[in-house]
Amino acid sequence: MIKKLRILVAAPGLLCLMAWAQPIVVHPIPQSADDRRYDYPIALLTLCAKQTGAFRLEPSAFRAPQGRYLRMVENQQGLDVAVA
């Protein structure tokens, strides 16, 4: 009985730890309000993140040309995915 109680008490803490340890995937942001080239890929990534819970999706902190985004991914400089 005590063992079951320990599991019930520890379970919420483990769930919080799993959510906290979730990796973050940083994606590019559009160049302007009219730039729609990232809409579909970001929608797919968002769906994957929600369905699997394997990662959390966050936008880049700044705008950059597509070529720079690609170099950032290649060189592992703070961007995890790019659209090409």
PDB file of N, CA and C in Angstrom:
ATOM      1  N   MET A   1       0.823  -1.205   0.000  1.00  0.00           N
ATOM      2  CA  MET A   1       0.000   0.000   0.000  1.00  0.00           C
ATOM      3  C   MET A   1       0.860   1.258   0.000  1.00  0.00           C
ATOM      4  N   ILE A   2       1.895   1.262   0.814  1.00  0.00           N
ATOM      5  CA  ILE A   2       2.761   2.443   0.893  1.00  0.00           C
ATOM      6  C   ILE A   2       3.491   2.641  -0.431  1.00  0.00           C
ATOM      7  N   LYS A   3       3.883   1.535  -1.085  1.00  0.00           N
ATOM      8  CA  LYS A   3       4.583   1.635  -2.366  1.00  0.00           C
ATOM      9  C   LYS A   3       3.686   2.288  -3.419  1.00  0.00           C
ATOM     10  N   LYS A   4       2.400   1.920  -3.449  1.00  0.00           N
ATOM     11  CA  LYS A   4       1.456   2.518  -4.394  1.00  0.00           C
ATOM     12  C   LYS A   4       1.282   4.003  -4.113  1.00  0.00           C
ATOM     13  N   LEU A   5       1.235   4.370  -2.840  1.00  0.00           N
ATOM     14  CA  LEU A   5       1.091   5.765  -2.454  1.00  0.00           C
ATOM     15  C   LEU A   5       2.298   6.581  -2.915  1.00  0.00           C
ATOM     16  N   ARG A   6       3.495   6.030  -2.804  1.00  0.00           N
ATOM     17  CA  ARG A   6       4.695   6.723  -3.251  1.00  0.00           C
ATOM     18  C   ARG A   6       4.651   6.983  -4.759  1.00  0.00           C
ATOM     19  N   ILE A   7       4.179   6.009  -5.501  1.00  0.00           N
ATOM     20  CA  ILE A   7       4.081   6.169  -6.952  1.00  0.00           C
ATOM     21  C   ILE A   7       3.080   7.268  -7.290  1.00  0.00           C
ATOM     22  N   LEU A   8       1.949   7.293  -6.606  1.00  0.00           N
ATOM     23  CA  LEU A   8       0.947   8.315  -6.863  1.00  0.00           C
ATOM     24  C   LEU A   8       1.461   9.707  -6.513  1.00  0.00           C
ATOM     25  N   VAL A   9       2.242   9.804  -5.465  1.00  0.00           N
ATOM     26  CA  VAL A   9       2.792  11.091  -5.057  1.00  0.00           C
ATOM     27  C   VAL A   9       3.895  11.525  -6.023  1.00  0.00           C
ATOM     28  N   ALA A  10       4.699  10.603  -6.511  1.00  0.00           N
ATOM     29  CA  ALA A  10       5.824  10.937  -7.383  1.00  0.00           C
ATOM     30  C   ALA A  10       5.392  11.196  -8.826  1.00  0.00           C
ATOM     31  N   ALA A  11       4.287  10.641  -9.268  1.00  0.00           N
ATOM     32  CA  ALA A  11       3.873  10.750 -10.669  1.00  0.00           C
ATOM     33  C   ALA A  11       3.735  12.189 -11.154  1.00  0.00           C
ATOM     34  N   PRO A  12       3.050  13.083 -10.433  1.00  0.00           N
ATOM     35  CA  PRO A  12       2.966  14.468 -10.926  1.00  0.00           C
ATOM     36  C   PRO A  12       4.331  15.137 -11.044  1.00  0.00           C
ATOM     37  N   GLY A  13       5.221  14.852 -10.140  1.00  0.00           N
ATOM     38  CA  GLY A  13       6.561  15.418 -10.206  1.00  0.00           C
ATOM     39  C   GLY A  13       7.321  14.919 -11.424  1.00  0.00           C
ATOM     40  N   LEU A  14       7.158  13.649 -11.750  1.00  0.00           N
ATOM     41  CA  LEU A  14       7.819  13.093 -12.931  1.00  0.00           C
ATOM     42  C   LEU A  14       7.259  13.706 -14.201  1.00  0.00           C
ATOM     43  N   LEU A  15       5.966  13.926 -14.249  1.00  0.00           N
ATOM     44  CA  LEU A  15       5.360  14.543 -15.426  1.00  0.00           C
ATOM     45  C   LEU A  15       5.867  15.961 -15.617  1.00  0.00           C
ATOM     46  N   CYS A  16       6.002  16.695 -14.535  1.00  0.00           N
ATOM     47  CA  CYS A  16       6.547  18.057 -14.627  1.00  0.00           C
ATOM     48  C   CYS A  16       7.991  18.017 -15.102  1.00  0.00           C
ATOM     49  N   LEU A  17       8.761  17.075 -14.618  1.00  0.00           N
ATOM     50  CA  LEU A  17      10.155  16.946 -15.024  1.00  0.00           C
ATOM     51  C   LEU A  17      10.253  16.618 -16.507  1.00  0.00           C
ATOM     52  N   MET A  18       9.379  15.738 -16.995  1.00  0.00           N
ATOM     53  CA  MET A  18       9.382  15.387 -18.411  1.00  0.00           C
ATOM     54  C   MET A  18       9.036  16.604 -19.264  1.00  0.00           C
ATOM     55  N   ALA A  19       8.081  17.398 -18.847  1.00  0.00           N
ATOM     56  CA  ALA A  19       7.699  18.596 -19.600  1.00  0.00           C
ATOM     57  C   ALA A  19       8.833  19.617 -19.578  1.00  0.00           C
ATOM     58  N   TRP A  20       9.522  19.717 -18.466  1.00  0.00           N
ATOM     59  CA  TRP A  20      10.608  20.669 -18.340  1.00  0.00           C
ATOM     60  C   TRP A  20      11.794  20.258 -19.208  1.00  0.00           C
ATOM     61  N   ALA A  21      12.043  18.968 -19.326  1.00  0.00           N
ATOM     62  CA  ALA A  21      13.187  18.466 -20.064  1.00  0.00           C
ATOM     63  C   ALA A  21      12.928  18.383 -21.569  1.00  0.00           C
ATOM     64  N   GLN A  22      11.780  18.805 -22.006  1.00  0.00           N
ATOM     65  CA  GLN A  22      11.405  18.730 -23.411  1.00  0.00           C
ATOM     66  C   GLN A  22      12.324  19.617 -24.257  1.00  0.00           C
ATOM     67  N   PRO A  23      12.926  19.069 -25.306  1.00  0.00           N
ATOM     68  CA  PRO A  23      13.809  19.887 -26.146  1.00  0.00           C
ATOM     69  C   PRO A  23      13.042  20.977 -26.886  1.00  0.00           C
ATOM     70  N   ILE A  24      13.740  22.047 -27.168  1.00  0.00           N
ATOM     71  CA  ILE A  24      13.149  23.177 -27.892  1.00  0.00           C
ATOM     72  C   ILE A  24      13.689  23.164 -29.319  1.00  0.00           C
ATOM     73  N   VAL A  25      12.785  23.276 -30.279  1.00  0.00           N
ATOM     74  CA  VAL A  25      13.160  23.377 -31.687  1.00  0.00           C
ATOM     75  C   VAL A  25      12.876  24.813 -32.122  1.00  0.00           C
ATOM     76  N   VAL A  26      13.917  25.518 -32.535  1.00  0.00           N
ATOM     77  CA  VAL A  26      13.785  26.919 -32.947  1.00  0.00           C
ATOM     78  C   VAL A  26      13.612  26.967 -34.459  1.00  0.00           C
ATOM     79  N   HIS A  27      12.581  27.683 -34.904  1.00  0.00           N
ATOM     80  CA  HIS A  27      12.295  27.785 -36.337  1.00  0.00           C
ATOM     81  C   HIS A  27      12.414  29.233 -36.798  1.00  0.00           C
ATOM     82  N   PRO A  28      12.630  29.445 -38.109  1.00  0.00           N
ATOM     83  CA  PRO A  28      12.739  30.807 -38.626  1.00  0.00           C
ATOM     84  C   PRO A  28      11.400  31.538 -38.575  1.00  0.00           C
ATOM     85  N   ILE A  29      11.472  32.855 -38.569  1.00  0.00           N
ATOM     86  CA  ILE A  29      10.258  33.664 -38.618  1.00  0.00           C
ATOM     87  C   ILE A  29      10.202  34.381 -39.964  1.00  0.00           C
ATOM     88  N   PRO A  30       9.001  34.701 -40.443  1.00  0.00           N
ATOM     89  CA  PRO A  30       8.865  35.368 -41.746  1.00  0.00           C
ATOM     90  C   PRO A  30       9.571  36.713 -41.773  1.00  0.00           C
ATOM     91  N   GLN A  31       9.963  37.126 -42.972  1.00  0.00           N
ATOM     92  CA  GLN A  31      10.645  38.406 -43.157  1.00  0.00           C
ATOM     93  C   GLN A  31       9.697  39.589 -42.961  1.00  0.00           C
ATOM     94  N   SER A  32       8.402  39.374 -43.276  1.00  0.00           N
ATOM     95  CA  SER A  32       7.409  40.441 -43.138  1.00  0.00           C
ATOM     96  C   SER A  32       6.044  39.809 -42.897  1.00  0.00           C
ATOM     97  N   ALA A  33       5.043  40.639 -42.698  1.00  0.00           N
ATOM     98  CA  ALA A  33       3.680  40.139 -42.483  1.00  0.00           C
ATOM     99  C   ALA A  33       3.129  39.448 -43.727  1.00  0.00           C
ATOM    100  N   ASP A  34       3.650  39.798 -44.894  1.00  0.00           N
ATOM    101  CA  ASP A  34       3.184  39.199 -46.148  1.00  0.00           C
ATOM    102  C   ASP A  34       3.938  37.923 -46.521  1.00  0.00           C
ATOM    103  N   ASP A  35       4.991  37.598 -45.827  1.00  0.00           N
ATOM    104  CA  ASP A  35       5.818  36.431 -46.136  1.00  0.00           C
ATOM    105  C   ASP A  35       5.125  35.166 -45.615  1.00  0.00           C
ATOM    106  N   ARG A  36       4.641  34.342 -46.520  1.00  0.00           N
ATOM    107  CA  ARG A  36       3.884  33.136 -46.147  1.00  0.00           C
ATOM    108  C   ARG A  36       4.657  31.839 -46.381  1.00  0.00           C
ATOM    109  N   ARG A  37       5.925  31.913 -46.765  1.00  0.00           N
ATOM    110  CA  ARG A  37       6.649  30.694 -47.126  1.00  0.00           C
ATOM    111  C   ARG A  37       6.878  29.757 -45.946  1.00  0.00           C
ATOM    112  N   TYR A  38       6.797  30.250 -44.729  1.00  0.00           N
ATOM    113  CA  TYR A  38       7.008  29.396 -43.563  1.00  0.00           C
ATOM    114  C   TYR A  38       5.715  28.863 -42.958  1.00  0.00           C
ATOM    115  N   ASP A  39       4.570  29.316 -43.429  1.00  0.00           N
ATOM    116  CA  ASP A  39       3.291  28.925 -42.831  1.00  0.00           C
ATOM    117  C   ASP A  39       3.092  27.410 -42.791  1.00  0.00           C
ATOM    118  N   TYR A  40       3.248  26.756 -43.949  1.00  0.00           N
ATOM    119  CA  TYR A  40       2.991  25.313 -44.017  1.00  0.00           C
ATOM    120  C   TYR A  40       4.021  24.512 -43.201  1.00  0.00           C
ATOM    121  N   PRO A  41       5.326  24.743 -43.372  1.00  0.00           N
ATOM    122  CA  PRO A  41       6.287  23.968 -42.568  1.00  0.00           C
ATOM    123  C   PRO A  41       6.109  24.167 -41.062  1.00  0.00           C
ATOM    124  N   ILE A  42       5.807  25.387 -40.652  1.00  0.00           N
ATOM    125  CA  ILE A  42       5.609  25.631 -39.214  1.00  0.00           C
ATOM    126  C   ILE A  42       4.334  24.950 -38.732  1.00  0.00           C
ATOM    127  N   ALA A  43       3.295  24.937 -39.568  1.00  0.00           N
ATOM    128  CA  ALA A  43       2.061  24.226 -39.205  1.00  0.00           C
ATOM    129  C   ALA A  43       2.339  22.727 -39.036  1.00  0.00           C
ATOM    130  N   LEU A  44       3.158  22.153 -39.911  1.00  0.00           N
ATOM    131  CA  LEU A  44       3.514  20.735 -39.784  1.00  0.00           C
ATOM    132  C   LEU A  44       4.317  20.475 -38.514  1.00  0.00           C
ATOM    133  N   LEU A  45       5.294  21.332 -38.233  1.00  0.00           N
ATOM    134  CA  LEU A  45       6.090  21.173 -37.015  1.00  0.00           C
ATOM    135  C   LEU A  45       5.226  21.321 -35.764  1.00  0.00           C
ATOM    136  N   THR A  46       4.299  22.267 -35.803  1.00  0.00           N
ATOM    137  CA  THR A  46       3.390  22.469 -34.668  1.00  0.00           C
ATOM    138  C   THR A  46       2.547  21.223 -34.437  1.00  0.00           C
ATOM    139  N   LEU A  47       2.024  20.652 -35.507  1.00  0.00           N
ATOM    140  CA  LEU A  47       1.228  19.426 -35.391  1.00  0.00           C
ATOM    141  C   LEU A  47       2.062  18.280 -34.826  1.00  0.00           C
ATOM    142  N   CYS A  48       3.280  18.126 -35.318  1.00  0.00           N
ATOM    143  CA  CYS A  48       4.168  17.075 -34.804  1.00  0.00           C
ATOM    144  C   CYS A  48       4.454  17.273 -33.314  1.00  0.00           C
ATOM    145  N   ALA A  49       4.716  18.509 -32.930  1.00  0.00           N
ATOM    146  CA  ALA A  49       5.004  18.799 -31.523  1.00  0.00           C
ATOM    147  C   ALA A  49       3.803  18.465 -30.642  1.00  0.00           C
ATOM    148  N   LYS A  50       2.604  18.819 -31.103  1.00  0.00           N
ATOM    149  CA  LYS A  50       1.399  18.547 -30.314  1.00  0.00           C
ATOM    150  C   LYS A  50       1.092  17.053 -30.248  1.00  0.00           C
ATOM    151  N   GLN A  51       1.244  16.353 -31.366  1.00  0.00           N
ATOM    152  CA  GLN A  51       0.905  14.937 -31.422  1.00  0.00           C
ATOM    153  C   GLN A  51       1.888  14.065 -30.645  1.00  0.00           C
ATOM    154  N   THR A  52       3.159  14.397 -30.720  1.00  0.00           N
ATOM    155  CA  THR A  52       4.170  13.542 -30.095  1.00  0.00           C
ATOM    156  C   THR A  52       4.584  14.011 -28.710  1.00  0.00           C
ATOM    157  N   GLY A  53       4.527  15.319 -28.481  1.00  0.00           N
ATOM    158  CA  GLY A  53       5.018  15.854 -27.209  1.00  0.00           C
ATOM    159  C   GLY A  53       6.526  15.713 -27.081  1.00  0.00           C
ATOM    160  N   ALA A  54       7.216  15.433 -28.198  1.00  0.00           N
ATOM    161  CA  ALA A  54       8.650  15.171 -28.164  1.00  0.00           C
ATOM    162  C   ALA A  54       9.492  16.442 -28.112  1.00  0.00           C
ATOM    163  N   PHE A  55       8.903  17.574 -28.476  1.00  0.00           N
ATOM    164  CA  PHE A  55       9.652  18.816 -28.467  1.00  0.00           C
ATOM    165  C   PHE A  55       8.694  19.992 -28.354  1.00  0.00           C
ATOM    166  N   ARG A  56       9.275  21.138 -28.045  1.00  0.00           N
ATOM    167  CA  ARG A  56       8.516  22.384 -27.981  1.00  0.00           C
ATOM    168  C   ARG A  56       9.034  23.285 -29.098  1.00  0.00           C
ATOM    169  N   LEU A  57       8.139  23.922 -29.806  1.00  0.00           N
ATOM    170  CA  LEU A  57       8.494  24.751 -30.949  1.00  0.00           C
ATOM    171  C   LEU A  57       8.516  26.216 -30.547  1.00  0.00           C
ATOM    172  N   GLU A  58       9.589  26.917 -30.899  1.00  0.00           N
ATOM    173  CA  GLU A  58       9.702  28.346 -30.603  1.00  0.00           C
ATOM    174  C   GLU A  58      10.248  29.083 -31.816  1.00  0.00           C
ATOM    175  N   PRO A  59       9.789  30.312 -32.036  1.00  0.00           N
ATOM    176  CA  PRO A  59      10.304  31.096 -33.163  1.00  0.00           C
ATOM    177  C   PRO A  59      11.691  31.655 -32.852  1.00  0.00           C
ATOM    178  N   SER A  60      12.415  31.932 -33.901  1.00  0.00           N
ATOM    179  CA  SER A  60      13.721  32.572 -33.773  1.00  0.00           C
ATOM    180  C   SER A  60      13.544  33.955 -33.146  1.00  0.00           C
ATOM    181  N   ALA A  61      14.576  34.437 -32.507  1.00  0.00           N
ATOM    182  CA  ALA A  61      14.508  35.747 -31.856  1.00  0.00           C
ATOM    183  C   ALA A  61      14.696  36.890 -32.847  1.00  0.00           C
ATOM    184  N   PHE A  62      15.093  36.580 -34.075  1.00  0.00           N
ATOM    185  CA  PHE A  62      15.347  37.639 -35.054  1.00  0.00           C
ATOM    186  C   PHE A  62      15.027  37.157 -36.464  1.00  0.00           C
ATOM    187  N   ARG A  63      14.894  38.114 -37.362  1.00  0.00           N
ATOM    188  CA  ARG A  63      14.674  37.823 -38.775  1.00  0.00           C
ATOM    189  C   ARG A  63      16.018  37.794 -39.495  1.00  0.00           C
ATOM    190  N   ALA A  64      16.111  36.919 -40.491  1.00  0.00           N
ATOM    191  CA  ALA A  64      17.340  36.839 -41.288  1.00  0.00           C
ATOM    192  C   ALA A  64      16.978  36.328 -42.675  1.00  0.00           C
ATOM    193  N   PRO A  65      17.827  36.568 -43.648  1.00  0.00           N
ATOM    194  CA  PRO A  65      17.595  36.009 -44.979  1.00  0.00           C
ATOM    195  C   PRO A  65      17.678  34.480 -44.935  1.00  0.00           C
ATOM    196  N   GLN A  66      17.040  33.840 -45.882  1.00  0.00           N
ATOM    197  CA  GLN A  66      16.987  32.382 -45.909  1.00  0.00           C
ATOM    198  C   GLN A  66      18.384  31.756 -45.909  1.00  0.00           C
ATOM    199  N   GLY A  67      19.304  32.333 -46.668  1.00  0.00           N
ATOM    200  CA  GLY A  67      20.661  31.801 -46.711  1.00  0.00           C
ATOM    201  C   GLY A  67      21.333  31.798 -45.342  1.00  0.00           C
ATOM    202  N   ARG A  68      21.099  32.847 -44.588  1.00  0.00           N
ATOM    203  CA  ARG A  68      21.688  32.907 -43.240  1.00  0.00           C
ATOM    204  C   ARG A  68      21.054  31.860 -42.334  1.00  0.00           C
ATOM    205  N   TYR A  69      19.738  31.690 -42.442  1.00  0.00           N
ATOM    206  CA  TYR A  69      19.063  30.640 -41.655  1.00  0.00           C
ATOM    207  C   TYR A  69      19.668  29.274 -41.969  1.00  0.00           C
ATOM    208  N   LEU A  70      19.898  28.992 -43.254  1.00  0.00           N
ATOM    209  CA  LEU A  70      20.475  27.705 -43.643  1.00  0.00           C
ATOM    210  C   LEU A  70      21.879  27.522 -43.063  1.00  0.00           C
ATOM    211  N   ARG A  71      22.700  28.570 -43.105  1.00  0.00           N
ATOM    212  CA  ARG A  71      24.048  28.490 -42.520  1.00  0.00           C
ATOM    213  C   ARG A  71      23.974  28.296 -41.006  1.00  0.00           C
ATOM    214  N   MET A  72      23.007  28.938 -40.366  1.00  0.00           N
ATOM    215  CA  MET A  72      22.861  28.797 -38.914  1.00  0.00           C
ATOM    216  C   MET A  72      22.531  27.354 -38.538  1.00  0.00           C
ATOM    217  N   VAL A  73      21.667  26.717 -39.310  1.00  0.00           N
ATOM    218  CA  VAL A  73      21.338  25.316 -39.038  1.00  0.00           C
ATOM    219  C   VAL A  73      22.578  24.452 -39.262  1.00  0.00           C
ATOM    220  N   GLU A  74      23.251  24.680 -40.382  1.00  0.00           N
ATOM    221  CA  GLU A  74      24.427  23.897 -40.727  1.00  0.00           C
ATOM    222  C   GLU A  74      25.516  24.013 -39.648  1.00  0.00           C
ATOM    223  N   ASN A  75      25.708  25.207 -39.125  1.00  0.00           N
ATOM    224  CA  ASN A  75      26.761  25.461 -38.138  1.00  0.00           C
ATOM    225  C   ASN A  75      26.282  25.347 -36.689  1.00  0.00           C
ATOM    226  N   GLN A  76      25.044  24.917 -36.503  1.00  0.00           N
ATOM    227  CA  GLN A  76      24.450  24.763 -35.168  1.00  0.00           C
ATOM    228  C   GLN A  76      24.583  26.033 -34.345  1.00  0.00           C
ATOM    229  N   GLN A  77      24.071  27.125 -34.913  1.00  0.00           N
ATOM    230  CA  GLN A  77      24.172  28.438 -34.278  1.00  0.00           C
ATOM    231  C   GLN A  77      22.822  28.961 -33.804  1.00  0.00           C
ATOM    232  N   GLY A  78      22.076  28.166 -33.071  1.00  0.00           N
ATOM    233  CA  GLY A  78      20.851  28.648 -32.451  1.00  0.00           C
ATOM    234  C   GLY A  78      19.588  28.470 -33.243  1.00  0.00           C
ATOM    235  N   LEU A  79      19.649  27.848 -34.414  1.00  0.00           N
ATOM    236  CA  LEU A  79      18.453  27.581 -35.209  1.00  0.00           C
ATOM    237  C   LEU A  79      18.466  26.098 -35.528  1.00  0.00           C
ATOM    238  N   ASP A  80      17.327  25.422 -35.327  1.00  0.00           N
ATOM    239  CA  ASP A  80      17.278  23.978 -35.476  1.00  0.00           C
ATOM    240  C   ASP A  80      16.719  23.511 -36.824  1.00  0.00           C
ATOM    241  N   VAL A  81      15.837  24.299 -37.412  1.00  0.00           N
ATOM    242  CA  VAL A  81      15.244  23.933 -38.702  1.00  0.00           C
ATOM    243  C   VAL A  81      15.224  25.164 -39.597  1.00  0.00           C
ATOM    244  N   ALA A  82      15.267  24.914 -40.905  1.00  0.00           N
ATOM    245  CA  ALA A  82      15.163  25.992 -41.887  1.00  0.00           C
ATOM    246  C   ALA A  82      14.355  25.461 -43.065  1.00  0.00           C
ATOM    247  N   VAL A  83      13.747  26.352 -43.791  1.00  0.00           N
ATOM    248  CA  VAL A  83      12.928  25.987 -44.946  1.00  0.00           C
ATOM    249  C   VAL A  83      13.709  26.343 -46.198  1.00  0.00           C
ATOM    250  N   ALA A  84      13.825  25.381 -47.110  1.00  0.00           N
ATOM    251  CA  ALA A  84      14.540  25.654 -48.363  1.00  0.00           C
ATOM    252  C   ALA A  84      13.798  25.033 -49.525  1.00  0.00           C
TER     253      ALA A  84
END
